[in-house]
Amino acid sequence: MHPEILRELTALRGRELRERAHRARLAKIAIRGRRHGRDLPDDDFVIPAIPDYVDGSFRTDRAVGQVTSETGQAPAGHAA
């Protein structure tokens, strides 16, 4: 194999290993901080709402007694 290609592959592998070690180190720091920092105040992190449908809309729950379809007809009991 050409020396330049070998050099690039080796550099790429080194970068990947360093990134992996960095992520592992951050995870270890977070776990230790969480374990020893139980008396720290909670942050104000809010989980955003996740849409129910692909178009970004949310499902709306209908009233218990309201079982009509969009056209105003009651849904069929079985497929035709």
C-alpha atoms as a PDB file:
ATOM      1  CA  MET A   1       0.000   0.000   0.000  1.00  0.00           C
ATOM      2  CA  HIS A   2       1.191   3.520  -0.715  1.00  0.00           C
ATOM      3  CA  PRO A   3       2.896   5.251   2.248  1.00  0.00           C
ATOM      4  CA  GLU A   4       0.583   8.284   2.062  1.00  0.00           C
ATOM      5  CA  ILE A   5      -2.503   6.089   2.286  1.00  0.00           C
ATOM      6  CA  LEU A   6      -1.026   4.199   5.230  1.00  0.00           C
ATOM      7  CA  ARG A   7      -0.201   7.487   6.945  1.00  0.00           C
ATOM      8  CA  GLU A   8      -3.747   8.776   6.448  1.00  0.00           C
ATOM      9  CA  LEU A   9      -5.297   5.534   7.691  1.00  0.00           C
ATOM     10  CA  THR A  10      -3.076   5.569  10.764  1.00  0.00           C
ATOM     11  CA  ALA A  11      -3.931   9.219  11.461  1.00  0.00           C
ATOM     12  CA  LEU A  12      -7.633   8.498  11.040  1.00  0.00           C
ATOM     13  CA  ARG A  13      -7.470   5.546  13.420  1.00  0.00           C
ATOM     14  CA  GLY A  14      -5.604   7.686  15.976  1.00  0.00           C
ATOM     15  CA  ARG A  15      -8.217  10.443  15.782  1.00  0.00           C
ATOM     16  CA  GLU A  16     -11.023   7.924  16.221  1.00  0.00           C
ATOM     17  CA  LEU A  17      -9.357   6.348  19.253  1.00  0.00           C
ATOM     18  CA  ARG A  18      -8.700   9.747  20.845  1.00  0.00           C
ATOM     19  CA  GLU A  19     -12.321  10.787  20.284  1.00  0.00           C
ATOM     20  CA  ARG A  20     -13.552   7.516  21.785  1.00  0.00           C
ATOM     21  CA  ALA A  21     -11.307   7.945  24.825  1.00  0.00           C
ATOM     22  CA  HIS A  22     -12.488  11.532  25.228  1.00  0.00           C
ATOM     23  CA  ARG A  23     -16.155  10.461  25.194  1.00  0.00           C
ATOM     24  CA  ALA A  24     -15.423   7.693  27.720  1.00  0.00           C
ATOM     25  CA  ARG A  25     -13.646  10.189  29.963  1.00  0.00           C
ATOM     26  CA  LEU A  26     -16.603  12.599  29.773  1.00  0.00           C
ATOM     27  CA  ALA A  27     -19.009   9.797  30.644  1.00  0.00           C
ATOM     28  CA  LYS A  28     -16.898   8.800  33.627  1.00  0.00           C
ATOM     29  CA  ILE A  29     -16.753  12.410  34.833  1.00  0.00           C
ATOM     30  CA  ALA A  30     -20.540  12.728  34.484  1.00  0.00           C
ATOM     31  CA  ILE A  31     -21.147   9.497  36.399  1.00  0.00           C
ATOM     32  CA  ARG A  32     -18.799  10.513  39.203  1.00  0.00           C
ATOM     33  CA  GLY A  33     -20.307  13.978  39.356  1.00  0.00           C
ATOM     34  CA  ARG A  34     -23.785  12.555  39.535  1.00  0.00           C
ATOM     35  CA  ARG A  35     -22.776  10.069  42.212  1.00  0.00           C
ATOM     36  CA  HIS A  36     -21.025  12.619  44.425  1.00  0.00           C
ATOM     37  CA  GLY A  37     -23.179  15.628  43.617  1.00  0.00           C
ATOM     38  CA  ARG A  38     -26.561  14.473  44.832  1.00  0.00           C
ATOM     39  CA  ASP A  39     -26.906  17.541  47.033  1.00  0.00           C
ATOM     40  CA  LEU A  40     -26.438  19.911  44.072  1.00  0.00           C
ATOM     41  CA  PRO A  41     -29.523  21.830  42.957  1.00  0.00           C
ATOM     42  CA  ASP A  42     -31.298  20.535  39.865  1.00  0.00           C
ATOM     43  CA  ASP A  43     -30.782  22.513  36.693  1.00  0.00           C
ATOM     44  CA  ASP A  44     -33.715  23.965  34.773  1.00  0.00           C
ATOM     45  CA  PHE A  45     -33.403  21.560  31.862  1.00  0.00           C
ATOM     46  CA  VAL A  46     -36.734  21.057  30.143  1.00  0.00           C
ATOM     47  CA  ILE A  47     -37.325  18.198  27.740  1.00  0.00           C
ATOM     48  CA  PRO A  48     -38.998  19.539  24.596  1.00  0.00           C
ATOM     49  CA  ALA A  49     -42.287  18.039  23.492  1.00  0.00           C
ATOM     50  CA  ILE A  50     -41.931  15.322  20.868  1.00  0.00           C
ATOM     51  CA  PRO A  51     -44.515  15.458  18.070  1.00  0.00           C
ATOM     52  CA  ASP A  52     -46.730  12.420  17.568  1.00  0.00           C
ATOM     53  CA  TYR A  53     -46.767  12.655  13.784  1.00  0.00           C
ATOM     54  CA  VAL A  54     -44.207  13.210  11.036  1.00  0.00           C
ATOM     55  CA  ASP A  55     -45.617  16.596  10.071  1.00  0.00           C
ATOM     56  CA  GLY A  56     -44.861  17.890  13.575  1.00  0.00           C
ATOM     57  CA  SER A  57     -48.419  17.885  14.863  1.00  0.00           C
ATOM     58  CA  PHE A  58     -49.581  16.451  18.143  1.00  0.00           C
ATOM     59  CA  ARG A  59     -52.363  13.959  18.801  1.00  0.00           C
ATOM     60  CA  THR A  60     -55.417  15.522  20.390  1.00  0.00           C
ATOM     61  CA  ASP A  61     -57.500  13.327  22.641  1.00  0.00           C
ATOM     62  CA  ARG A  62     -61.185  13.279  21.873  1.00  0.00           C
ATOM     63  CA  ALA A  63     -63.871  13.368  24.536  1.00  0.00           C
ATOM     64  CA  VAL A  64     -64.960  10.010  25.910  1.00  0.00           C
ATOM     65  CA  GLY A  65     -68.456  10.215  24.391  1.00  0.00           C
ATOM     66  CA  GLN A  66     -67.274  11.515  21.022  1.00  0.00           C
ATOM     67  CA  VAL A  67     -66.621   8.540  18.748  1.00  0.00           C
ATOM     68  CA  THR A  68     -67.643   9.934  15.366  1.00  0.00           C
ATOM     69  CA  SER A  69     -65.198  10.044  12.502  1.00  0.00           C
ATOM     70  CA  GLU A  70     -64.035  13.167  10.680  1.00  0.00           C
ATOM     71  CA  THR A  71     -67.055  13.011   8.331  1.00  0.00           C
ATOM     72  CA  GLY A  72     -69.518  12.835  11.207  1.00  0.00           C
ATOM     73  CA  GLN A  73     -70.359   9.162  10.766  1.00  0.00           C
ATOM     74  CA  ALA A  74     -69.893   6.575  13.452  1.00  0.00           C
ATOM     75  CA  PRO A  75     -66.956   4.251  12.707  1.00  0.00           C
ATOM     76  CA  ALA A  76     -67.804   0.882  11.194  1.00  0.00           C
ATOM     77  CA  GLY A  77     -67.693  -2.154  13.443  1.00  0.00           C
ATOM     78  CA  HIS A  78     -65.819  -4.214  10.837  1.00  0.00           C
ATOM     79  CA  ALA A  79     -64.049  -3.824   7.525  1.00  0.00           C
ATOM     80  CA  ALA A  80     -66.249  -4.149   4.437  1.00  0.00           C
END
